[in-house]
Amino acid sequence: MTNPLLRTRPIPPIRMVHLGLGNFYRAHQAWYTQHASDAAEWGYAAFEGRTMGMAAALRSQDNVYTIAFTAPDGDHFERIESIAASYTAEDVDEWVALCAAPTTAIISTTVTEAGYCADGAGGVNTGDPVVAADIEALRAGSITVLSTPARIVAGLAARRAAGAGPVALMSCDNLLENGTVLRQVTRATAALVDPDLVAWIDANVSFVTTMVDRITPRPTDDDLARVEAGLGVHDATPIITEPFGEWVIDGTFPAGRPDWASAGATFTSDIESNERRKLWLLNGSHSLLAYTGMVRGRETVADAMADPVCRATAQVWWDLAIGVLGGDAEHLRAYTEALAARFDNPRIRHLLAQIGTDGSLKIPVRWIPALTTLREQGVLPAPVITGLAAFTLHVHGGSVLDAARDALLAARGTDVHATLRGVLGVIAPALLADAELLAAIDAALEHFPA
């Protein structure tokens, strides 16, 4: 049997630098690059963000790894070879050198919503002590920084100094207008470090917005054992993911890009409808299942979908959101039917606790826009009421893993009703003026879980 972790093609030249060497990037962008018609011409240098130890594990097997596409009826294994080199977060010299290389055409990111350190007003969160320290370090001429905006600015400053020419920056995280967010935090950080760099960025850097979709849970011990049995060899870094994948891209690539369209990616000049469809229908229902499911003692998405209360909450949300989204309702209903089938897959153990992290960042973009529109129409949307009650209970009595953890813990009151008002003050202060909505959530708290 051929070893599935041996390269079958030459190492591709490094043309792309990626920050965030986690499971999703390796299941999604690296997979699309592997399947591009010109894959032999495009390789990644991938750097760790928060996923420590991944670079060493990948290096031990020549940066080759396995994706296990897990369908209800079995697994399909693929070898991925598009990563040419992998680095730790501490490899700052290599980061700066590769960002400054004239052969680098794209710098991309998967760092989670929290990783962009945005302040919500088009700038960077200088109140974050890591960001503040990074800005001072860059001003002092150091490139040893931790936050994503500072790392990007360090790389771009080196690229300007090297005269390496234009480059595309591309975000691949679940944020509305993620390219715009990346542009804002990059420019804001650059302005605080070297105002002249902002003009160079404006003239030489394009910011690409994307919509990404492929459910990629953390592998369990059982998953790892199953992959090893299927491969016949030990893979230190396998990926467990679903067969479905989607990538919608809006932006220009002044130094070129892989032929991702040949691998199934969609290029558009109007990405907003795709972003809202995915964030509201997929991510919005994921968050509803996460918080209602955890309060009801469920562990995974499939478990929550098997719970009639959780499933009904998601399905009513889909109906309401489709009405607010507009567009082709029949197409959107087909999309949600496909979502239900994906969520029902019991062999994808997508933990609700994983989905439930960083709710302070996720809820405002996944639920609140639709909620605002529905309230303007006089509708009290039961799924969001249930979701906000569940999130309140999660904060009131659970373990909170969130970018705004300190603020949420400080929001805990003497009872759940006081906690509700504190939580809304953190995630959606405008809702505190809606007495009818507050009364409905208070009632849901009294009867939860029903």
Protein backbone atom coordinates (compact mmCIF):
# COMPACT_ATOMS: atom_id res chain seq x y z
CA MET A 1 0.00 0.00 0.00
CA THR A 2 1.30 3.45 -0.94
CA ASN A 3 1.94 5.66 2.07
CA PRO A 4 -0.81 8.33 1.93
CA LEU A 5 1.46 10.85 3.66
CA LEU A 6 4.16 10.87 0.98
CA ARG A 7 4.15 13.67 -1.59
CA THR A 8 3.07 12.68 -5.07
CA ARG A 9 4.10 15.96 -6.69
CA PRO A 10 6.92 18.50 -6.29
CA ILE A 11 6.58 21.01 -3.45
CA PRO A 12 4.79 24.00 -5.00
CA PRO A 13 6.53 27.39 -4.95
CA ILE A 14 5.46 29.67 -2.12
CA ARG A 15 3.17 32.31 -3.62
CA MET A 16 0.80 32.72 -0.65
CA VAL A 17 1.35 33.44 3.04
CA HIS A 18 -1.40 32.37 5.41
CA LEU A 19 -1.97 33.27 9.07
CA GLY A 20 -4.02 30.78 11.07
CA LEU A 21 -2.83 27.20 10.69
CA GLY A 22 -6.01 25.67 12.05
CA ASN A 23 -8.33 22.91 10.92
CA PHE A 24 -10.71 25.08 8.92
CA TYR A 25 -8.01 26.64 6.75
CA ARG A 26 -6.56 23.23 5.99
CA ALA A 27 -10.01 21.79 5.21
CA HIS A 28 -11.08 24.73 3.06
CA GLN A 29 -8.60 27.09 1.37
CA ALA A 30 -5.78 24.54 1.24
CA TRP A 31 -8.20 22.00 -0.26
CA TYR A 32 -9.41 24.44 -2.94
CA THR A 33 -5.81 25.26 -3.82
CA GLN A 34 -4.97 21.56 -4.07
CA HIS A 35 -7.81 21.14 -6.57
CA ALA A 36 -7.08 24.23 -8.68
CA SER A 37 -6.03 23.55 -12.26
CA ASP A 38 -2.74 25.38 -11.65
CA ALA A 39 -2.06 23.91 -8.18
CA ALA A 40 1.55 23.11 -9.13
CA GLU A 41 2.24 26.87 -9.35
CA TRP A 42 0.78 27.91 -5.99
CA GLY A 43 2.01 26.88 -2.57
CA TYR A 44 1.31 28.17 0.94
CA ALA A 45 3.65 29.21 3.70
CA ALA A 46 1.30 28.77 6.65
CA PHE A 47 1.84 30.29 10.10
CA GLU A 48 0.29 29.36 13.40
CA GLY A 49 -2.05 31.82 15.02
CA ARG A 50 -3.70 30.34 18.10
CA THR A 51 -3.22 26.68 17.11
CA MET A 52 0.08 25.81 18.75
CA GLY A 53 1.98 22.67 17.82
CA MET A 54 0.45 22.31 14.37
CA ALA A 55 3.54 23.52 12.50
CA ALA A 56 5.80 20.98 14.19
CA ALA A 57 3.36 18.17 13.51
CA LEU A 58 3.06 19.11 9.85
CA ARG A 59 6.81 19.46 9.41
CA SER A 60 7.25 15.94 10.73
CA GLN A 61 5.36 14.63 7.71
CA ASP A 62 6.62 16.99 5.00
CA ASN A 63 3.56 19.27 5.41
CA VAL A 64 1.30 16.58 3.95
CA TYR A 65 -1.89 15.65 5.78
CA THR A 66 -5.18 13.85 5.30
CA ILE A 67 -8.72 15.15 5.06
CA ALA A 68 -11.39 12.64 6.06
CA PHE A 69 -14.62 13.67 4.37
CA THR A 70 -17.17 12.17 6.72
CA ALA A 71 -20.58 11.35 5.27
CA PRO A 72 -23.33 9.46 7.09
CA ASP A 73 -22.45 6.31 5.14
CA GLY A 74 -18.65 6.39 5.44
CA ASP A 75 -15.37 8.23 4.96
CA HIS A 76 -13.46 9.41 1.91
CA PHE A 77 -9.78 10.23 2.44
CA GLU A 78 -7.76 12.83 0.52
CA ARG A 79 -4.07 13.72 0.72
CA ILE A 80 -3.41 17.49 0.73
CA GLU A 81 -0.05 18.80 -0.50
CA SER A 82 -0.65 22.53 -1.06
CA ILE A 83 1.23 23.66 2.07
CA ALA A 84 4.86 24.11 1.07
CA ALA A 85 6.12 25.23 4.48
CA SER A 86 4.70 25.69 7.98
CA TYR A 87 5.87 27.97 10.77
CA THR A 88 5.15 28.75 14.40
CA ALA A 89 3.89 32.12 15.60
CA GLU A 90 7.39 32.79 16.92
CA ASP A 91 8.92 32.57 13.45
CA VAL A 92 8.62 36.32 13.02
CA ASP A 93 11.67 36.73 10.77
CA GLU A 94 10.24 34.21 8.32
CA TRP A 95 6.82 35.91 8.44
CA VAL A 96 8.24 39.31 7.58
CA ALA A 97 10.58 37.92 4.91
CA LEU A 98 7.81 36.00 3.16
CA CYS A 99 5.37 38.92 3.29
CA ALA A 100 8.11 41.04 1.70
CA ALA A 101 9.03 38.51 -0.99
CA PRO A 102 8.20 39.70 -4.53
CA THR A 103 6.94 36.19 -5.32
CA THR A 104 4.23 36.47 -2.64
CA ALA A 105 0.93 37.42 -4.27
CA ILE A 106 -1.57 36.81 -1.45
CA ILE A 107 -1.56 37.16 2.33
CA SER A 108 -4.63 35.48 3.84
CA THR A 109 -6.09 34.96 7.29
CA THR A 110 -8.28 32.59 9.29
CA VAL A 111 -7.97 33.95 12.82
CA THR A 112 -11.64 33.84 14.05
CA GLU A 113 -13.87 36.86 14.53
CA ALA A 114 -11.99 37.92 17.65
CA GLY A 115 -8.61 37.78 15.94
CA TYR A 116 -9.09 41.02 14.00
CA CYS A 117 -9.16 43.13 17.18
CA ALA A 118 -11.69 45.50 15.60
CA ASP A 119 -13.19 48.21 17.78
CA GLY A 120 -16.60 48.19 16.07
CA ALA A 121 -16.17 51.72 14.76
CA GLY A 122 -13.83 51.13 11.85
CA GLY A 123 -10.63 51.06 13.87
CA VAL A 124 -8.46 48.74 15.91
CA ASN A 125 -9.08 48.04 19.59
CA THR A 126 -6.24 49.89 21.26
CA GLY A 127 -7.86 49.13 24.61
CA ASP A 128 -6.67 45.55 24.18
CA PRO A 129 -3.33 45.40 26.04
CA VAL A 130 -1.87 43.04 23.42
CA VAL A 131 -2.73 45.47 20.62
CA ALA A 132 -1.40 48.43 22.59
CA ALA A 133 1.87 46.63 23.32
CA ASP A 134 2.21 45.58 19.68
CA ILE A 135 1.79 49.16 18.47
CA GLU A 136 4.51 50.34 20.83
CA ALA A 137 6.76 47.48 19.67
CA LEU A 138 6.27 48.39 16.00
CA ARG A 139 6.96 52.05 16.74
CA ALA A 140 10.22 50.97 18.38
CA GLY A 141 11.22 48.98 15.30
CA SER A 142 10.47 45.51 16.67
CA ILE A 143 8.69 42.89 14.55
CA THR A 144 7.96 40.59 17.51
CA VAL A 145 4.23 41.17 17.80
CA LEU A 146 1.24 38.96 18.58
CA SER A 147 -2.00 40.49 17.27
CA THR A 148 -3.17 39.94 13.71
CA PRO A 149 -3.29 43.64 12.72
CA ALA A 150 0.24 44.20 14.02
CA ARG A 151 1.59 41.13 12.26
CA ILE A 152 0.01 42.26 9.00
CA VAL A 153 1.43 45.78 9.38
CA ALA A 154 4.90 44.40 10.14
CA GLY A 155 4.75 42.33 6.96
CA LEU A 156 3.49 45.20 4.81
CA ALA A 157 6.10 47.62 6.16
CA ALA A 158 8.79 45.13 5.16
CA ARG A 159 7.18 44.72 1.74
CA ARG A 160 7.21 48.48 1.19
CA ALA A 161 10.88 48.65 2.23
CA ALA A 162 11.74 45.83 -0.17
CA GLY A 163 9.90 47.44 -3.08
CA ALA A 164 8.18 44.11 -3.66
CA GLY A 165 5.09 45.54 -5.33
CA PRO A 166 1.35 45.03 -4.89
CA VAL A 167 -0.26 42.22 -2.93
CA ALA A 168 -3.76 41.02 -2.04
CA LEU A 169 -4.91 40.61 1.56
CA MET A 170 -7.77 38.14 1.93
CA SER A 171 -9.85 37.33 5.01
CA CYS A 172 -11.51 33.91 5.24
CA ASP A 173 -13.37 34.25 8.55
CA ASN A 174 -17.09 34.36 9.37
CA LEU A 175 -17.44 38.14 9.38
CA LEU A 176 -19.72 40.27 7.27
CA GLU A 177 -17.55 42.23 4.84
CA ASN A 178 -14.48 40.55 6.27
CA GLY A 179 -12.24 42.19 3.68
CA THR A 180 -13.45 45.58 4.80
CA VAL A 181 -12.82 44.69 8.45
CA LEU A 182 -9.30 43.54 7.57
CA ARG A 183 -8.69 46.77 5.65
CA GLN A 184 -9.94 48.93 8.52
CA VAL A 185 -7.85 47.30 11.25
CA THR A 186 -4.78 47.22 9.00
CA ARG A 187 -5.02 50.90 8.06
CA ALA A 188 -5.83 51.94 11.64
CA THR A 189 -2.83 50.07 13.01
CA ALA A 190 -0.55 51.41 10.28
CA ALA A 191 -1.72 54.96 11.01
CA LEU A 192 -0.72 54.58 14.65
CA VAL A 193 2.71 53.22 13.75
CA ASP A 194 3.74 55.03 10.56
CA PRO A 195 1.19 57.32 8.87
CA ASP A 196 3.16 57.23 5.62
CA LEU A 197 2.56 53.49 5.41
CA VAL A 198 -1.19 54.09 5.03
CA ALA A 199 -0.72 55.81 1.67
CA TRP A 200 1.47 52.93 0.47
CA ILE A 201 -1.20 50.42 1.57
CA ASP A 202 -3.90 52.34 -0.27
CA ALA A 203 -1.83 52.31 -3.45
CA ASN A 204 -0.47 48.76 -3.30
CA VAL A 205 -2.77 46.48 -1.31
CA SER A 206 -6.15 45.09 -2.33
CA PHE A 207 -8.49 43.70 0.33
CA VAL A 208 -10.55 40.70 -0.73
CA THR A 209 -13.84 39.73 0.90
CA THR A 210 -14.89 36.09 1.04
CA MET A 211 -17.71 33.88 2.24
CA VAL A 212 -16.52 30.47 3.43
CA ASP A 213 -18.41 27.34 4.41
CA ARG A 214 -17.33 23.86 5.46
CA ILE A 215 -18.22 22.42 8.86
CA THR A 216 -14.95 21.33 10.45
CA PRO A 217 -15.18 20.12 14.05
CA ARG A 218 -12.21 19.36 16.26
CA PRO A 219 -11.34 15.67 15.79
CA THR A 220 -12.06 13.35 18.69
CA ASP A 221 -9.89 10.43 19.77
CA ASP A 222 -12.35 8.12 18.00
CA ASP A 223 -12.00 10.20 14.83
CA LEU A 224 -8.22 9.96 14.97
CA ALA A 225 -8.35 6.20 15.50
CA ARG A 226 -10.77 5.79 12.61
CA VAL A 227 -8.53 7.80 10.26
CA GLU A 228 -5.46 5.81 11.27
CA ALA A 229 -7.30 2.55 10.69
CA GLY A 230 -8.52 3.73 7.31
CA LEU A 231 -5.12 5.01 6.17
CA GLY A 232 -3.00 2.27 7.63
CA VAL A 233 -0.51 4.87 8.93
CA HIS A 234 -0.50 7.48 11.68
CA ASP A 235 -1.33 11.04 10.57
CA ALA A 236 -0.48 13.54 13.31
CA THR A 237 -2.69 16.26 11.82
CA PRO A 238 -5.79 14.79 10.11
CA ILE A 239 -8.88 16.84 9.37
CA ILE A 240 -12.45 15.66 9.92
CA THR A 241 -14.93 17.57 7.80
CA GLU A 242 -18.07 17.24 5.73
CA PRO A 243 -18.21 16.70 1.96
CA PHE A 244 -19.95 20.06 1.41
CA GLY A 245 -17.85 23.15 0.78
CA GLU A 246 -18.50 26.66 -0.54
CA TRP A 247 -16.24 29.62 -1.23
CA VAL A 248 -17.46 32.94 -2.65
CA ILE A 249 -14.81 35.57 -3.40
CA ASP A 250 -15.13 39.29 -4.16
CA GLY A 251 -12.03 41.36 -4.90
CA THR A 252 -8.98 41.84 -7.07
CA PHE A 253 -5.63 40.08 -6.95
CA PRO A 254 -3.04 42.47 -8.41
CA ALA A 255 -0.24 39.88 -8.33
CA GLY A 256 -2.33 36.93 -9.47
CA ARG A 257 -4.12 34.02 -7.78
CA PRO A 258 -4.75 30.29 -8.20
CA ASP A 259 -7.52 29.13 -10.51
CA TRP A 260 -9.84 28.49 -7.59
CA ALA A 261 -12.87 28.65 -9.89
CA SER A 262 -11.73 25.36 -11.44
CA ALA A 263 -12.02 23.83 -7.94
CA GLY A 264 -15.56 25.14 -7.44
CA ALA A 265 -15.07 28.62 -5.94
CA THR A 266 -17.44 31.37 -7.07
CA PHE A 267 -16.21 34.85 -7.98
CA THR A 268 -18.65 37.74 -7.70
CA SER A 269 -18.78 41.51 -7.52
CA ASP A 270 -21.77 41.36 -5.13
CA ILE A 271 -21.00 39.15 -2.15
CA GLU A 272 -23.36 40.70 0.39
CA SER A 273 -26.35 38.44 -0.32
CA ASN A 274 -24.16 35.32 -0.04
CA GLU A 275 -22.64 36.55 3.23
CA ARG A 276 -26.01 37.28 4.81
CA ARG A 277 -27.47 33.96 3.59
CA LYS A 278 -24.68 32.00 5.21
CA LEU A 279 -24.31 34.07 8.39
CA TRP A 280 -28.03 34.18 9.14
CA LEU A 281 -29.17 30.75 8.00
CA LEU A 282 -26.17 28.54 8.77
CA ASN A 283 -24.25 30.41 11.47
CA GLY A 284 -27.39 31.88 13.02
CA SER A 285 -29.02 28.48 13.42
CA HIS A 286 -25.71 27.02 14.63
CA SER A 287 -25.66 29.56 17.46
CA LEU A 288 -29.31 28.86 18.30
CA LEU A 289 -28.62 25.13 18.45
CA ALA A 290 -25.49 25.76 20.52
CA TYR A 291 -27.07 27.79 23.30
CA THR A 292 -30.46 26.06 23.44
CA GLY A 293 -28.78 22.69 23.10
CA MET A 294 -26.23 23.25 25.86
CA VAL A 295 -28.91 24.45 28.28
CA ARG A 296 -30.91 21.31 27.43
CA GLY A 297 -27.93 19.03 28.01
CA ARG A 298 -27.01 18.30 24.38
CA GLU A 299 -23.41 17.97 23.25
CA THR A 300 -23.23 18.11 19.45
CA VAL A 301 -25.15 19.70 16.58
CA ALA A 302 -26.57 16.32 15.61
CA ASP A 303 -27.71 15.80 19.22
CA ALA A 304 -29.44 19.19 19.21
CA MET A 305 -31.12 18.46 15.88
CA ALA A 306 -32.49 15.24 17.42
CA ASP A 307 -34.03 17.32 20.23
CA PRO A 308 -37.51 18.43 19.03
CA VAL A 309 -37.33 21.76 20.87
CA CYS A 310 -33.92 22.69 19.45
CA ARG A 311 -34.84 21.51 15.96
CA ALA A 312 -38.10 23.48 15.95
CA THR A 313 -36.24 26.59 17.12
CA ALA A 314 -33.85 26.31 14.16
CA GLN A 315 -36.62 25.61 11.66
CA VAL A 316 -38.78 28.56 12.77
CA TRP A 317 -35.67 30.76 12.63
CA TRP A 318 -35.05 29.67 9.04
CA ASP A 319 -38.61 30.56 8.05
CA LEU A 320 -38.39 34.00 9.68
CA ALA A 321 -34.92 34.77 8.32
CA ILE A 322 -35.88 33.77 4.78
CA GLY A 323 -38.71 36.29 4.93
CA VAL A 324 -36.30 39.03 5.98
CA LEU A 325 -33.50 38.11 3.58
CA GLY A 326 -35.65 38.50 0.48
CA GLY A 327 -34.52 37.11 -2.85
CA ASP A 328 -35.45 33.67 -4.19
CA ALA A 329 -37.36 32.08 -1.31
CA GLU A 330 -37.48 28.69 -3.03
CA HIS A 331 -33.69 28.67 -3.38
CA LEU A 332 -33.27 29.69 0.26
CA ARG A 333 -35.63 26.95 1.44
CA ALA A 334 -33.63 24.39 -0.53
CA TYR A 335 -30.51 25.75 1.16
CA THR A 336 -32.01 25.29 4.63
CA GLU A 337 -33.18 21.77 3.75
CA ALA A 338 -29.59 20.99 2.81
CA LEU A 339 -28.45 22.57 6.08
CA ALA A 340 -30.76 20.29 8.05
CA ALA A 341 -29.27 17.26 6.31
CA ARG A 342 -25.74 18.49 7.05
CA PHE A 343 -26.58 19.17 10.70
CA ASP A 344 -28.20 15.73 11.07
CA ASN A 345 -24.97 13.92 10.13
CA PRO A 346 -24.17 12.02 13.37
CA ARG A 347 -20.62 11.24 12.23
CA ILE A 348 -19.69 14.96 12.27
CA ARG A 349 -19.28 15.57 16.02
CA HIS A 350 -19.48 19.36 15.94
CA LEU A 351 -19.45 20.32 19.60
CA LEU A 352 -21.97 22.94 20.70
CA ALA A 353 -19.38 24.30 23.14
CA GLN A 354 -17.06 25.03 20.19
CA ILE A 355 -19.81 26.89 18.32
CA GLY A 356 -20.82 28.71 21.50
CA THR A 357 -17.47 30.45 22.02
CA ASP A 358 -17.27 34.21 21.39
CA GLY A 359 -21.02 34.72 21.47
CA SER A 360 -20.51 38.43 22.08
CA LEU A 361 -19.04 38.68 18.58
CA LYS A 362 -21.27 36.15 16.84
CA ILE A 363 -24.75 37.04 18.08
CA PRO A 364 -24.65 40.70 16.90
CA VAL A 365 -24.06 39.62 13.29
CA ARG A 366 -25.98 36.31 13.26
CA TRP A 367 -29.26 37.26 15.02
CA ILE A 368 -29.53 40.98 15.69
CA PRO A 369 -29.89 42.34 12.11
CA ALA A 370 -32.85 40.04 11.40
CA LEU A 371 -34.27 40.69 14.86
CA THR A 372 -34.12 44.44 14.29
CA THR A 373 -36.03 44.17 11.01
CA LEU A 374 -38.62 41.84 12.52
CA ARG A 375 -39.19 44.17 15.47
CA GLU A 376 -39.74 47.05 13.04
CA GLN A 377 -42.49 44.88 11.55
CA GLY A 378 -44.00 44.33 14.98
CA VAL A 379 -42.90 40.68 15.16
CA LEU A 380 -41.62 39.06 18.34
CA PRO A 381 -39.43 36.28 16.88
CA ALA A 382 -39.67 33.26 19.17
CA PRO A 383 -36.35 31.67 18.08
CA VAL A 384 -34.29 34.75 18.94
CA ILE A 385 -36.15 35.18 22.21
CA THR A 386 -35.33 31.57 23.05
CA GLY A 387 -31.74 32.05 21.90
CA LEU A 388 -31.16 35.18 23.97
CA ALA A 389 -32.68 33.47 27.00
CA ALA A 390 -30.40 30.47 26.45
CA PHE A 391 -27.33 32.68 26.03
CA THR A 392 -28.26 34.51 29.24
CA LEU A 393 -28.49 31.19 31.11
CA HIS A 394 -25.19 30.15 29.58
CA VAL A 395 -23.51 33.31 30.90
CA HIS A 396 -25.34 33.26 34.23
CA GLY A 397 -24.28 29.80 35.26
CA GLY A 398 -21.84 28.34 32.76
CA SER A 399 -18.20 28.50 31.73
CA VAL A 400 -17.80 31.50 29.44
CA LEU A 401 -15.21 31.36 26.66
CA ASP A 402 -15.55 34.71 24.95
CA ALA A 403 -13.55 37.67 23.70
CA ALA A 404 -15.68 39.77 26.09
CA ARG A 405 -15.45 37.28 28.95
CA ASP A 406 -14.65 39.87 31.63
CA ALA A 407 -17.54 42.10 30.61
CA LEU A 408 -19.96 39.16 30.47
CA LEU A 409 -18.89 37.88 33.86
CA ALA A 410 -19.33 41.38 35.25
CA ALA A 411 -22.83 41.37 33.73
CA ARG A 412 -23.95 38.49 35.94
CA GLY A 413 -26.66 39.67 38.28
CA THR A 414 -28.32 38.34 41.41
CA ASP A 415 -30.84 36.50 39.19
CA VAL A 416 -31.16 35.62 35.50
CA HIS A 417 -33.34 38.63 34.78
CA ALA A 418 -30.65 41.00 36.00
CA THR A 419 -28.08 38.99 34.04
CA LEU A 420 -30.19 39.38 30.89
CA ARG A 421 -30.02 43.14 31.10
CA GLY A 422 -26.29 43.03 31.78
CA VAL A 423 -25.70 40.66 28.86
CA LEU A 424 -27.71 42.82 26.46
CA GLY A 425 -25.71 45.81 27.61
CA VAL A 426 -22.62 44.00 26.34
CA ILE A 427 -23.85 42.44 23.08
CA ALA A 428 -26.77 44.63 21.92
CA PRO A 429 -27.44 47.71 24.10
CA ALA A 430 -30.16 49.06 21.79
CA LEU A 431 -32.40 46.12 22.74
CA LEU A 432 -32.63 47.40 26.32
CA ALA A 433 -35.10 50.05 25.11
CA ASP A 434 -37.49 47.38 23.75
CA ALA A 435 -39.73 46.68 26.77
CA GLU A 436 -41.92 44.18 24.90
CA LEU A 437 -38.90 42.15 23.81
CA LEU A 438 -37.42 42.21 27.32
CA ALA A 439 -40.69 40.97 28.78
CA ALA A 440 -40.76 38.11 26.26
CA ILE A 441 -37.21 37.05 27.11
CA ASP A 442 -37.99 37.31 30.84
CA ALA A 443 -40.93 34.95 30.28
CA ALA A 444 -38.72 32.55 28.31
CA LEU A 445 -36.22 32.54 31.18
CA GLU A 446 -38.98 31.51 33.59
CA HIS A 447 -39.99 28.52 31.48
CA PHE A 448 -36.62 27.42 30.06
CA PRO A 449 -36.02 24.64 29.16
CA ALA A 450 -39.57 23.91 28.00
